[in-house]
Amino acid sequence: MRIKIGTAPVSWGIMEVEGWNGQAPYAKVLDEMAEAGYQGTELGPYGYLPSEPERLIAELSSRGLSMVSAFVPLPLAELERHDASFREAMTVAELLASANARLIVLAGDMNGARMNVAGRVNEERDGMSQRHWHDAIEIISRIARACLEMGLSTAFHHHAGTFIETPNEIERLCASTDPTLIGLCLDTGHYLYGGGDPVGAVQKYGSRIRHLHLKDVRLAVLESVRHEGVGFIEAVRRDVFCELGEGAV
């Protein structure tokens, strides 16, 4: 199987985290992606790249890039927000489909309480209730079914600071969802951050992995923030993630 190498605006500091600085102009970011030799990009936060399909396709194709996917965070444990989240996901999905992407990446949104214990989660204390798990599976599956009708495959991204971070939580998600409907976006850095072995994850989930986010982790920084009880955002500011080949992954 051939794997194409792409990137995302987050590698330029463009992300959904409130208060995070570093919004470079999108044209500059796309230019640098192309100059680096990437073949495609994820969408980034909705509205950062052009949201008109024709303009988005033109900006990408003029640089030899293609649209790969988009990262869509969901408030998994907040049932009252699920209908609004579904509509927001459909807005992103429609743009992806119009731009000839084949995949959408869903994730839990970063939760304040979980961000504070990222990397050292006590699942009984910090995890979702049975009811919240049921509601989370429902909204993930609902979005995935609607995306499939648009021609988009779905992968779920586990993420530090969210309700699906640890290997056990990822396993529960996979056991509770249809593997033909929902695949996995394996993030090597977040899997290690959450207490797992990325190589073991590849061996365990195999064909269920539809998308990869490749990150490396400075183990000394990770151990330090765990020991100090530092939250996830501060860990990122301390450069817990590093260039591939320079860390523990």
C-alpha atoms as a PDB file:
ATOM      1  CA  MET A   1       0.000   0.000   0.000  1.00  0.00           C
ATOM      2  CA  ARG A   2       1.327   3.418  -0.973  1.00  0.00           C
ATOM      3  CA  ILE A   3       1.122   6.194   1.607  1.00  0.00           C
ATOM      4  CA  LYS A   4       1.091   9.833   0.555  1.00  0.00           C
ATOM      5  CA  ILE A   5       2.746  12.375   2.824  1.00  0.00           C
ATOM      6  CA  GLY A   6       0.791  15.502   3.659  1.00  0.00           C
ATOM      7  CA  THR A   7       0.770  18.177   6.306  1.00  0.00           C
ATOM      8  CA  ALA A   8      -1.642  20.537   8.037  1.00  0.00           C
ATOM      9  CA  PRO A   9      -1.851  24.188   9.082  1.00  0.00           C
ATOM     10  CA  VAL A  10      -1.332  23.085  12.696  1.00  0.00           C
ATOM     11  CA  SER A  11       2.333  22.481  11.829  1.00  0.00           C
ATOM     12  CA  TRP A  12       2.524  26.247  11.284  1.00  0.00           C
ATOM     13  CA  GLY A  13       0.834  26.985  14.603  1.00  0.00           C
ATOM     14  CA  ILE A  14      -2.664  27.343  13.151  1.00  0.00           C
ATOM     15  CA  MET A  15      -5.053  25.552  15.489  1.00  0.00           C
ATOM     16  CA  GLU A  16      -8.442  25.616  17.176  1.00  0.00           C
ATOM     17  CA  VAL A  17      -7.073  26.335  20.667  1.00  0.00           C
ATOM     18  CA  GLU A  18      -8.464  29.597  22.023  1.00  0.00           C
ATOM     19  CA  GLY A  19      -5.782  32.172  22.754  1.00  0.00           C
ATOM     20  CA  TRP A  20      -3.063  30.404  20.761  1.00  0.00           C
ATOM     21  CA  ASN A  21      -0.997  32.871  18.750  1.00  0.00           C
ATOM     22  CA  GLY A  22       0.715  32.475  15.386  1.00  0.00           C
ATOM     23  CA  GLN A  23      -1.793  33.055  12.596  1.00  0.00           C
ATOM     24  CA  ALA A  24       0.395  33.289   9.497  1.00  0.00           C
ATOM     25  CA  PRO A  25      -1.389  34.248   6.235  1.00  0.00           C
ATOM     26  CA  TYR A  26      -2.743  31.141   4.549  1.00  0.00           C
ATOM     27  CA  ALA A  27      -1.048  31.900   1.215  1.00  0.00           C
ATOM     28  CA  LYS A  28       2.351  31.948   2.917  1.00  0.00           C
ATOM     29  CA  VAL A  29       1.613  28.660   4.680  1.00  0.00           C
ATOM     30  CA  LEU A  30       0.486  26.964   1.456  1.00  0.00           C
ATOM     31  CA  ASP A  31       3.576  28.252  -0.356  1.00  0.00           C
ATOM     32  CA  GLU A  32       5.825  26.777   2.317  1.00  0.00           C
ATOM     33  CA  MET A  33       3.955  23.460   2.251  1.00  0.00           C
ATOM     34  CA  ALA A  34       4.564  23.183  -1.478  1.00  0.00           C
ATOM     35  CA  GLU A  35       8.198  24.259  -1.167  1.00  0.00           C
ATOM     36  CA  ALA A  36       8.728  21.536   1.455  1.00  0.00           C
ATOM     37  CA  GLY A  37       7.493  18.925  -1.015  1.00  0.00           C
ATOM     38  CA  TYR A  38       4.203  17.932   0.580  1.00  0.00           C
ATOM     39  CA  GLN A  39       1.483  16.512  -1.648  1.00  0.00           C
ATOM     40  CA  GLY A  40      -1.545  17.617   0.316  1.00  0.00           C
ATOM     41  CA  THR A  41      -2.876  19.326   3.403  1.00  0.00           C
ATOM     42  CA  GLU A  42      -5.654  19.104   5.916  1.00  0.00           C
ATOM     43  CA  LEU A  43      -8.087  22.001   6.086  1.00  0.00           C
ATOM     44  CA  GLY A  44      -7.145  23.454   9.442  1.00  0.00           C
ATOM     45  CA  PRO A  45      -9.700  25.430  11.472  1.00  0.00           C
ATOM     46  CA  TYR A  46     -12.745  26.149   9.311  1.00  0.00           C
ATOM     47  CA  GLY A  47     -12.397  29.596   7.771  1.00  0.00           C
ATOM     48  CA  TYR A  48      -8.603  29.714   7.810  1.00  0.00           C
ATOM     49  CA  LEU A  49      -8.280  28.439   4.244  1.00  0.00           C
ATOM     50  CA  PRO A  50     -10.883  29.671   1.739  1.00  0.00           C
ATOM     51  CA  SER A  51     -14.313  28.161   2.416  1.00  0.00           C
ATOM     52  CA  GLU A  52     -15.535  28.566  -1.182  1.00  0.00           C
ATOM     53  CA  PRO A  53     -14.805  25.239  -2.944  1.00  0.00           C
ATOM     54  CA  GLU A  54     -13.696  26.745  -6.266  1.00  0.00           C
ATOM     55  CA  ARG A  55     -11.307  29.165  -4.610  1.00  0.00           C
ATOM     56  CA  LEU A  56      -9.949  26.505  -2.260  1.00  0.00           C
ATOM     57  CA  ILE A  57      -9.304  24.093  -5.125  1.00  0.00           C
ATOM     58  CA  ALA A  58      -7.609  26.841  -7.137  1.00  0.00           C
ATOM     59  CA  GLU A  59      -5.312  27.830  -4.260  1.00  0.00           C
ATOM     60  CA  LEU A  60      -4.301  24.211  -3.705  1.00  0.00           C
ATOM     61  CA  SER A  61      -3.942  23.082  -7.310  1.00  0.00           C
ATOM     62  CA  SER A  62      -1.829  26.097  -8.244  1.00  0.00           C
ATOM     63  CA  ARG A  63       0.726  24.796  -5.745  1.00  0.00           C
ATOM     64  CA  GLY A  64       0.406  21.113  -6.609  1.00  0.00           C
ATOM     65  CA  LEU A  65      -1.443  20.357  -3.377  1.00  0.00           C
ATOM     66  CA  SER A  66      -4.627  18.406  -2.736  1.00  0.00           C
ATOM     67  CA  MET A  67      -7.160  18.574   0.090  1.00  0.00           C
ATOM     68  CA  VAL A  68      -6.737  15.569   2.364  1.00  0.00           C
ATOM     69  CA  SER A  69      -9.050  15.929   5.331  1.00  0.00           C
ATOM     70  CA  ALA A  70     -10.132  18.136   8.210  1.00  0.00           C
ATOM     71  CA  PHE A  71      -9.901  17.773  11.977  1.00  0.00           C
ATOM     72  CA  VAL A  72     -13.348  18.266  13.541  1.00  0.00           C
ATOM     73  CA  PRO A  73     -13.513  18.356  17.370  1.00  0.00           C
ATOM     74  CA  LEU A  74     -16.788  17.380  19.047  1.00  0.00           C
ATOM     75  CA  PRO A  75     -18.119  18.040  22.585  1.00  0.00           C
ATOM     76  CA  LEU A  76     -18.613  14.345  23.239  1.00  0.00           C
ATOM     77  CA  ALA A  77     -19.934  14.630  26.807  1.00  0.00           C
ATOM     78  CA  GLU A  78     -22.326  17.534  26.130  1.00  0.00           C
ATOM     79  CA  LEU A  79     -25.498  16.108  24.606  1.00  0.00           C
ATOM     80  CA  GLU A  80     -27.129  19.530  24.388  1.00  0.00           C
ATOM     81  CA  ARG A  81     -24.466  20.607  21.882  1.00  0.00           C
ATOM     82  CA  HIS A  82     -24.599  17.546  19.646  1.00  0.00           C
ATOM     83  CA  ASP A  83     -27.136  18.841  17.130  1.00  0.00           C
ATOM     84  CA  ALA A  84     -25.135  22.041  16.628  1.00  0.00           C
ATOM     85  CA  SER A  85     -21.938  20.010  16.341  1.00  0.00           C
ATOM     86  CA  PHE A  86     -23.551  17.813  13.710  1.00  0.00           C
ATOM     87  CA  ARG A  87     -24.435  20.872  11.627  1.00  0.00           C
ATOM     88  CA  GLU A  88     -20.919  22.267  11.985  1.00  0.00           C
ATOM     89  CA  ALA A  89     -19.424  18.927  10.950  1.00  0.00           C
ATOM     90  CA  MET A  90     -21.688  18.831   7.894  1.00  0.00           C
ATOM     91  CA  THR A  91     -20.490  22.291   6.859  1.00  0.00           C
ATOM     92  CA  VAL A  92     -16.904  21.045   6.957  1.00  0.00           C
ATOM     93  CA  ALA A  93     -17.812  17.767   5.257  1.00  0.00           C
ATOM     94  CA  GLU A  94     -19.555  19.538   2.386  1.00  0.00           C
ATOM     95  CA  LEU A  95     -16.450  21.638   1.754  1.00  0.00           C
ATOM     96  CA  LEU A  96     -14.203  18.573   1.902  1.00  0.00           C
ATOM     97  CA  ALA A  97     -16.372  16.655  -0.537  1.00  0.00           C
ATOM     98  CA  SER A  98     -16.498  19.625  -2.910  1.00  0.00           C
ATOM     99  CA  ALA A  99     -12.700  19.882  -2.745  1.00  0.00           C
ATOM    100  CA  ASN A 100     -12.287  16.183  -3.644  1.00  0.00           C
ATOM    101  CA  ALA A 101     -11.136  15.025  -0.216  1.00  0.00           C
ATOM    102  CA  ARG A 102     -11.911  11.457   0.804  1.00  0.00           C
ATOM    103  CA  LEU A 103     -11.700  11.576   4.593  1.00  0.00           C
ATOM    104  CA  ILE A 104     -12.933  13.487   7.618  1.00  0.00           C
ATOM    105  CA  VAL A 105     -11.206  13.201  11.004  1.00  0.00           C
ATOM    106  CA  LEU A 106     -13.364  13.447  14.127  1.00  0.00           C
ATOM    107  CA  ALA A 107     -12.106  13.890  17.685  1.00  0.00           C
ATOM    108  CA  GLY A 108     -13.297  14.891  21.108  1.00  0.00           C
ATOM    109  CA  ASP A 109     -12.840  18.548  21.904  1.00  0.00           C
ATOM    110  CA  MET A 110     -10.268  19.498  24.498  1.00  0.00           C
ATOM    111  CA  ASN A 111     -11.980  19.558  27.865  1.00  0.00           C
ATOM    112  CA  GLY A 112     -10.644  21.763  30.658  1.00  0.00           C
ATOM    113  CA  ALA A 113     -10.673  19.056  33.300  1.00  0.00           C
ATOM    114  CA  ARG A 114      -9.093  16.489  30.987  1.00  0.00           C
ATOM    115  CA  MET A 115      -6.427  18.903  29.749  1.00  0.00           C
ATOM    116  CA  ASN A 116      -5.307  19.315  33.351  1.00  0.00           C
ATOM    117  CA  VAL A 117      -4.730  15.556  33.757  1.00  0.00           C
ATOM    118  CA  ALA A 118      -3.544  14.723  30.236  1.00  0.00           C
ATOM    119  CA  GLY A 119      -0.925  11.997  30.269  1.00  0.00           C
ATOM    120  CA  ARG A 120      -1.881  10.812  33.746  1.00  0.00           C
ATOM    121  CA  VAL A 121      -5.582  10.028  33.424  1.00  0.00           C
ATOM    122  CA  ASN A 122      -7.410   8.011  36.054  1.00  0.00           C
ATOM    123  CA  GLU A 123     -10.168   6.614  33.848  1.00  0.00           C
ATOM    124  CA  GLU A 124     -12.555   5.843  36.713  1.00  0.00           C
ATOM    125  CA  ARG A 125     -12.242   9.379  38.078  1.00  0.00           C
ATOM    126  CA  ASP A 126     -11.689  11.361  34.879  1.00  0.00           C
ATOM    127  CA  GLY A 127     -13.541   9.376  32.218  1.00  0.00           C
ATOM    128  CA  MET A 128     -17.000   9.681  30.724  1.00  0.00           C
ATOM    129  CA  SER A 129     -20.013   8.084  32.364  1.00  0.00           C
ATOM    130  CA  GLN A 130     -21.866   5.205  30.707  1.00  0.00           C
ATOM    131  CA  ARG A 131     -24.493   7.671  29.466  1.00  0.00           C
ATOM    132  CA  HIS A 132     -21.860  10.019  28.070  1.00  0.00           C
ATOM    133  CA  TRP A 133     -20.190   7.124  26.258  1.00  0.00           C
ATOM    134  CA  HIS A 134     -23.515   6.163  24.707  1.00  0.00           C
ATOM    135  CA  ASP A 135     -24.146   9.739  23.567  1.00  0.00           C
ATOM    136  CA  ALA A 136     -20.577  10.080  22.250  1.00  0.00           C
ATOM    137  CA  ILE A 137     -20.846   6.932  20.130  1.00  0.00           C
ATOM    138  CA  GLU A 138     -24.202   8.136  18.809  1.00  0.00           C
ATOM    139  CA  ILE A 139     -22.935  11.525  17.578  1.00  0.00           C
ATOM    140  CA  ILE A 140     -19.734  10.059  16.110  1.00  0.00           C
ATOM    141  CA  SER A 141     -21.701   7.397  14.231  1.00  0.00           C
ATOM    142  CA  ARG A 142     -24.370   9.872  13.122  1.00  0.00           C
ATOM    143  CA  ILE A 143     -21.762  12.148  11.571  1.00  0.00           C
ATOM    144  CA  ALA A 144     -19.903   9.218  10.001  1.00  0.00           C
ATOM    145  CA  ARG A 145     -23.074   7.920   8.343  1.00  0.00           C
ATOM    146  CA  ALA A 146     -23.884  11.341   6.905  1.00  0.00           C
ATOM    147  CA  CYS A 147     -20.310  11.772   5.662  1.00  0.00           C
ATOM    148  CA  LEU A 148     -20.391   8.377   3.978  1.00  0.00           C
ATOM    149  CA  GLU A 149     -23.364   9.564   1.929  1.00  0.00           C
ATOM    150  CA  MET A 150     -21.127  12.408   0.694  1.00  0.00           C
ATOM    151  CA  GLY A 151     -18.373   9.977  -0.264  1.00  0.00           C
ATOM    152  CA  LEU A 152     -16.217  10.661   2.790  1.00  0.00           C
ATOM    153  CA  SER A 153     -14.644   8.023   4.995  1.00  0.00           C
ATOM    154  CA  THR A 154     -14.384   8.761   8.737  1.00  0.00           C
ATOM    155  CA  ALA A 155     -11.447   8.285  11.088  1.00  0.00           C
ATOM    156  CA  PHE A 156     -11.486   9.079  14.798  1.00  0.00           C
ATOM    157  CA  HIS A 157      -8.479  10.848  16.309  1.00  0.00           C
ATOM    158  CA  HIS A 158      -7.622  10.106  19.949  1.00  0.00           C
ATOM    159  CA  HIS A 159      -6.138  13.208  21.572  1.00  0.00           C
ATOM    160  CA  ALA A 160      -4.494  14.200  24.841  1.00  0.00           C
ATOM    161  CA  GLY A 161      -6.735  16.446  26.903  1.00  0.00           C
ATOM    162  CA  THR A 162      -9.952  14.895  25.572  1.00  0.00           C
ATOM    163  CA  PHE A 163     -12.275  12.144  26.756  1.00  0.00           C
ATOM    164  CA  ILE A 164     -10.740   9.634  24.339  1.00  0.00           C
ATOM    165  CA  GLU A 165      -7.013   9.708  25.087  1.00  0.00           C
ATOM    166  CA  THR A 166      -5.832   6.522  26.768  1.00  0.00           C
ATOM    167  CA  PRO A 167      -5.338   3.115  25.132  1.00  0.00           C
ATOM    168  CA  ASN A 168      -8.326   1.762  27.087  1.00  0.00           C
ATOM    169  CA  GLU A 169     -10.562   4.608  25.926  1.00  0.00           C
ATOM    170  CA  ILE A 170      -9.455   4.098  22.328  1.00  0.00           C
ATOM    171  CA  GLU A 171     -10.125   0.375  22.624  1.00  0.00           C
ATOM    172  CA  ARG A 172     -13.606   1.074  23.985  1.00  0.00           C
ATOM    173  CA  LEU A 173     -14.352   3.432  21.106  1.00  0.00           C
ATOM    174  CA  CYS A 174     -13.266   0.837  18.552  1.00  0.00           C
ATOM    175  CA  ALA A 175     -15.220  -1.938  20.263  1.00  0.00           C
ATOM    176  CA  SER A 176     -18.353   0.234  20.326  1.00  0.00           C
ATOM    177  CA  THR A 177     -18.364   1.340  16.688  1.00  0.00           C
ATOM    178  CA  ASP A 178     -18.770  -0.288  13.289  1.00  0.00           C
ATOM    179  CA  PRO A 179     -15.275  -0.822  11.812  1.00  0.00           C
ATOM    180  CA  THR A 180     -16.650  -0.438   8.295  1.00  0.00           C
ATOM    181  CA  LEU A 181     -18.022   2.991   9.240  1.00  0.00           C
ATOM    182  CA  ILE A 182     -15.440   4.431  11.618  1.00  0.00           C
ATOM    183  CA  GLY A 183     -11.703   3.929  11.329  1.00  0.00           C
ATOM    184  CA  LEU A 184      -8.867   5.237  13.437  1.00  0.00           C
ATOM    185  CA  CYS A 185      -6.579   8.196  12.928  1.00  0.00           C
ATOM    186  CA  LEU A 186      -3.512   7.012  14.808  1.00  0.00           C
ATOM    187  CA  ASP A 187      -1.472   9.878  16.203  1.00  0.00           C
ATOM    188  CA  THR A 188       1.886   8.503  17.301  1.00  0.00           C
ATOM    189  CA  GLY A 189       2.635  11.395  19.647  1.00  0.00           C
ATOM    190  CA  HIS A 190      -0.751  11.506  21.322  1.00  0.00           C
ATOM    191  CA  TYR A 191      -0.805   7.717  21.703  1.00  0.00           C
ATOM    192  CA  LEU A 192       2.495   7.842  23.582  1.00  0.00           C
ATOM    193  CA  TYR A 193       1.361  10.884  25.577  1.00  0.00           C
ATOM    194  CA  GLY A 194      -1.767   8.972  26.608  1.00  0.00           C
ATOM    195  CA  GLY A 195       0.270   6.065  27.942  1.00  0.00           C
ATOM    196  CA  GLY A 196       0.462   3.743  24.942  1.00  0.00           C
ATOM    197  CA  ASP A 197       3.030   2.253  22.575  1.00  0.00           C
ATOM    198  CA  PRO A 198       2.479   3.508  18.997  1.00  0.00           C
ATOM    199  CA  VAL A 199       4.112   0.432  17.453  1.00  0.00           C
ATOM    200  CA  GLY A 200       1.816  -1.774  19.490  1.00  0.00           C
ATOM    201  CA  ALA A 201      -1.152   0.297  18.311  1.00  0.00           C
ATOM    202  CA  VAL A 202      -0.245  -0.328  14.667  1.00  0.00           C
ATOM    203  CA  GLN A 203       0.029  -4.033  15.366  1.00  0.00           C
ATOM    204  CA  LYS A 204      -3.256  -4.081  17.275  1.00  0.00           C
ATOM    205  CA  TYR A 205      -5.477  -1.978  15.021  1.00  0.00           C
ATOM    206  CA  GLY A 206      -3.878  -2.675  11.642  1.00  0.00           C
ATOM    207  CA  SER A 207      -6.382  -2.207   8.845  1.00  0.00           C
ATOM    208  CA  ARG A 208      -8.651  -0.059  11.012  1.00  0.00           C
ATOM    209  CA  ILE A 209      -6.089   2.743  10.747  1.00  0.00           C
ATOM    210  CA  ARG A 210      -7.225   5.002   7.911  1.00  0.00           C
ATOM    211  CA  HIS A 211      -5.056   8.040   8.599  1.00  0.00           C
ATOM    212  CA  LEU A 212      -1.803   8.778  10.424  1.00  0.00           C
ATOM    213  CA  HIS A 213      -0.640  11.841  12.307  1.00  0.00           C
ATOM    214  CA  LEU A 214       3.086  11.428  12.828  1.00  0.00           C
ATOM    215  CA  LYS A 215       4.553  13.142  15.888  1.00  0.00           C
ATOM    216  CA  ASP A 216       7.519  12.509  18.120  1.00  0.00           C
ATOM    217  CA  VAL A 217       7.724  13.142  21.858  1.00  0.00           C
ATOM    218  CA  ARG A 218      10.523  14.361  24.104  1.00  0.00           C
ATOM    219  CA  LEU A 219      10.276  11.744  26.810  1.00  0.00           C
ATOM    220  CA  ALA A 220      12.148  13.855  29.364  1.00  0.00           C
ATOM    221  CA  VAL A 221       9.635  16.681  28.926  1.00  0.00           C
ATOM    222  CA  LEU A 222       6.694  14.275  29.110  1.00  0.00           C
ATOM    223  CA  GLU A 223       8.005  12.708  32.301  1.00  0.00           C
ATOM    224  CA  SER A 224       8.609  16.169  33.755  1.00  0.00           C
ATOM    225  CA  VAL A 225       5.104  17.482  33.071  1.00  0.00           C
ATOM    226  CA  ARG A 226       3.576  14.283  34.429  1.00  0.00           C
ATOM    227  CA  HIS A 227       5.618  14.605  37.614  1.00  0.00           C
ATOM    228  CA  GLU A 228       4.779  18.305  38.009  1.00  0.00           C
ATOM    229  CA  GLY A 229       1.099  17.874  37.209  1.00  0.00           C
ATOM    230  CA  VAL A 230       1.348  20.237  34.243  1.00  0.00           C
ATOM    231  CA  GLY A 231      -1.596  20.514  31.838  1.00  0.00           C
ATOM    232  CA  PHE A 232      -1.488  19.696  28.145  1.00  0.00           C
ATOM    233  CA  ILE A 233      -1.250  23.229  26.727  1.00  0.00           C
ATOM    234  CA  GLU A 234       1.684  24.061  28.978  1.00  0.00           C
ATOM    235  CA  ALA A 235       3.332  20.791  27.923  1.00  0.00           C
ATOM    236  CA  VAL A 236       3.028  21.871  24.286  1.00  0.00           C
ATOM    237  CA  ARG A 237       4.541  25.245  25.167  1.00  0.00           C
ATOM    238  CA  ARG A 238       7.447  23.349  26.737  1.00  0.00           C
ATOM    239  CA  ASP A 239       7.973  21.563  23.404  1.00  0.00           C
ATOM    240  CA  VAL A 240       6.883  18.103  24.473  1.00  0.00           C
ATOM    241  CA  PHE A 241       6.466  17.360  20.757  1.00  0.00           C
ATOM    242  CA  CYS A 242       9.576  17.423  18.600  1.00  0.00           C
ATOM    243  CA  GLU A 243      10.800  16.638  15.098  1.00  0.00           C
ATOM    244  CA  LEU A 244      10.461  13.047  13.965  1.00  0.00           C
ATOM    245  CA  GLY A 245      13.474  11.001  14.967  1.00  0.00           C
ATOM    246  CA  GLU A 246      14.462  13.274  17.846  1.00  0.00           C
ATOM    247  CA  GLY A 247      12.193  11.771  20.493  1.00  0.00           C
ATOM    248  CA  ALA A 248      10.915   8.515  21.943  1.00  0.00           C
ATOM    249  CA  VAL A 249       8.655   7.493  19.048  1.00  0.00           C
END
